[in-house]
Structure formats: C-alpha cells, structure tokens
Amino acid sequence: MKFENKKQKLIPVSHFAYRLGRYGIFAFVLIAFSLLIGMLGYHYIGSTSWLDSFHMASMILTGMGPVVEMKTESAKLFSSFYALYSGVAFLSITAVFFAPIIHRILHYLHIEDEKINN
C-alpha cells in the first residue's frame, strides 16, 4: 500500500476511491478483530452475556468507558489491559482510515505550491 511521492502526479479519482476502499476495509478488519478480542475476554473472563460483552467491548474500544462492573481480579485485569490496547487501537485505526485522505490533500497542496513557484 504505497502512496505516490511528491514528484508524481495525483492519481485519478477512481484509483483514489479504490485506495480509500482498501484502507477502509483494512480499518474495518482491525475494528472487528479488536471487538472480537474484547467480546471473548468479557464473555469468558468477565462472565457476561454475548450482548453485554459486545456492548462493553464497543464502549471501551471507542473510549466511552465501562458499562458492566467486573467482579473478579482476572476480569479486572483483562478489562484494564483491553482498555490500554483499545486506546492505542482506536488511534491507530483512525490513522489508517484517514491516511489516504490526508496524503491526497497534502500531495495536492504540494503540487499547487510547485506550480506557483515555477
């Protein structure tokens, strides 16, 4: 998944849409994987129902906070480590999703800057 460098032209909109779709799918896979980790942990370690596990994992992954109180030490440890993981995962997934958009904007601005200077 390479981007064009500053000496190359902007890719056509159709190629950009394809790239954006690939990055979006990759971000979705990362979200699904992160939710699966949380759901399995909350269900088996935290002894919550599947729906509560999904709810708890979703809330933690998006930074909203816990919903269900963890009662055992192992559940509290899992919840703590999952919250730490979720903080990094949320920021990383956001960066992956927006990378092609930010790159295109910066690439466009750099091209416009070179046209003015020449």
Protein backbone atom coordinates (compact mmCIF):
# COMPACT_ATOMS: atom_id res chain seq x y z
CA MET A 1 0.00 0.00 0.00
CA LYS A 2 2.31 2.68 -1.29
CA PHE A 3 1.45 6.29 -1.88
CA GLU A 4 2.76 8.32 -4.77
CA ASN A 5 5.71 10.54 -3.96
CA LYS A 6 5.84 14.30 -4.36
CA LYS A 7 7.33 14.12 -7.86
CA GLN A 8 4.46 12.01 -9.19
CA LYS A 9 1.08 13.33 -10.31
CA LEU A 10 -2.06 12.88 -8.28
CA ILE A 11 -3.72 9.57 -9.01
CA PRO A 12 -7.14 9.70 -10.73
CA VAL A 13 -10.23 9.86 -8.55
CA SER A 14 -11.19 6.27 -9.46
CA HIS A 15 -7.82 4.98 -8.20
CA PHE A 16 -8.16 7.13 -5.10
CA ALA A 17 -11.62 5.69 -4.40
CA TYR A 18 -10.18 2.16 -4.77
CA ARG A 19 -7.34 3.03 -2.38
CA LEU A 20 -9.79 4.56 0.09
CA GLY A 21 -11.89 1.39 -0.08
CA ARG A 22 -8.87 -0.83 0.61
CA TYR A 23 -7.86 1.25 3.62
CA GLY A 24 -11.47 1.32 4.82
CA ILE A 25 -11.72 -2.46 4.60
CA PHE A 26 -8.44 -2.82 6.48
CA ALA A 27 -9.69 -0.44 9.20
CA PHE A 28 -12.95 -2.43 9.42
CA VAL A 29 -10.99 -5.69 9.83
CA LEU A 30 -8.95 -4.11 12.64
CA ILE A 31 -12.14 -2.95 14.36
CA ALA A 32 -13.75 -6.39 14.00
CA PHE A 33 -10.60 -8.10 15.36
CA SER A 34 -10.46 -5.70 18.31
CA LEU A 35 -14.15 -6.22 19.07
CA LEU A 36 -13.68 -9.99 18.88
CA ILE A 37 -10.83 -9.88 21.40
CA GLY A 38 -12.94 -7.79 23.76
CA MET A 39 -16.06 -9.88 23.35
CA LEU A 40 -14.23 -13.16 24.00
CA GLY A 41 -12.47 -11.73 27.03
CA TYR A 42 -15.54 -10.16 28.57
CA HIS A 43 -17.63 -13.25 27.90
CA TYR A 44 -15.23 -15.90 29.16
CA ILE A 45 -13.17 -13.98 31.73
CA GLY A 46 -15.77 -11.41 32.81
CA SER A 47 -18.70 -13.86 32.72
CA THR A 48 -21.00 -11.51 30.83
CA SER A 49 -23.57 -12.41 28.17
CA TRP A 50 -22.61 -12.10 24.49
CA LEU A 51 -24.70 -8.95 24.12
CA ASP A 52 -23.17 -7.36 27.23
CA SER A 53 -19.71 -8.43 26.02
CA PHE A 54 -20.31 -6.74 22.67
CA HIS A 55 -21.66 -3.63 24.38
CA MET A 56 -18.74 -3.45 26.82
CA ALA A 57 -16.09 -4.06 24.12
CA SER A 58 -17.68 -1.43 21.86
CA MET A 59 -17.83 1.16 24.60
CA ILE A 60 -14.24 0.57 25.70
CA LEU A 61 -12.91 0.46 22.12
CA THR A 62 -14.43 3.85 21.30
CA GLY A 63 -13.25 5.41 24.55
CA MET A 64 -16.67 5.79 26.14
CA GLY A 65 -15.86 3.77 29.26
CA PRO A 66 -17.01 0.62 31.01
CA VAL A 67 -20.65 -0.37 31.32
CA VAL A 68 -20.58 -3.55 33.41
CA GLU A 69 -18.65 -3.84 36.67
CA MET A 70 -16.00 -6.56 36.64
CA LYS A 71 -16.14 -8.61 39.83
CA THR A 72 -13.13 -10.95 39.73
CA GLU A 73 -9.46 -9.99 39.72
CA SER A 74 -8.84 -11.72 36.39
CA ALA A 75 -11.78 -9.86 34.84
CA LYS A 76 -10.47 -6.56 36.17
CA LEU A 77 -7.00 -7.30 34.79
CA PHE A 78 -8.42 -8.22 31.38
CA SER A 79 -10.57 -5.10 31.38
CA SER A 80 -7.57 -2.93 32.25
CA PHE A 81 -5.32 -4.39 29.55
CA TYR A 82 -8.11 -4.28 26.98
CA ALA A 83 -8.69 -0.61 27.79
CA LEU A 84 -4.97 0.12 27.27
CA TYR A 85 -5.00 -1.83 24.00
CA SER A 86 -8.19 -0.06 22.90
CA GLY A 87 -6.68 3.38 23.36
CA VAL A 88 -3.82 2.57 21.02
CA ALA A 89 -6.04 0.61 18.62
CA PHE A 90 -8.58 3.43 18.29
CA LEU A 91 -5.90 5.97 17.38
CA SER A 92 -4.15 3.55 15.02
CA ILE A 93 -7.34 2.55 13.23
CA THR A 94 -8.30 6.20 12.83
CA ALA A 95 -4.86 6.93 11.35
CA VAL A 96 -5.18 4.00 8.92
CA PHE A 97 -8.61 5.13 7.78
CA PHE A 98 -7.67 8.77 7.22
CA ALA A 99 -4.15 8.22 5.81
CA PRO A 100 -5.16 8.22 2.12
CA ILE A 101 -7.32 11.32 2.55
CA ILE A 102 -4.64 13.29 4.39
CA HIS A 103 -1.98 12.16 1.91
CA ARG A 104 -4.07 13.28 -1.06
CA ILE A 105 -4.72 16.70 0.50
CA LEU A 106 -1.05 17.22 1.33
CA HIS A 107 0.03 15.92 -2.07
CA TYR A 108 -2.40 18.29 -3.80
CA LEU A 109 -1.22 21.27 -1.76
CA HIS A 110 2.41 20.45 -2.54
CA ILE A 111 1.68 20.20 -6.26
CA GLU A 112 -0.15 23.54 -6.22
CA ASP A 113 2.79 25.09 -4.33
CA GLU A 114 5.24 23.86 -7.01
CA LYS A 115 3.05 25.25 -9.82
CA ILE A 116 3.10 28.70 -8.22
CA ASN A 117 6.87 28.68 -7.70
CA ASN A 118 7.67 27.69 -11.32
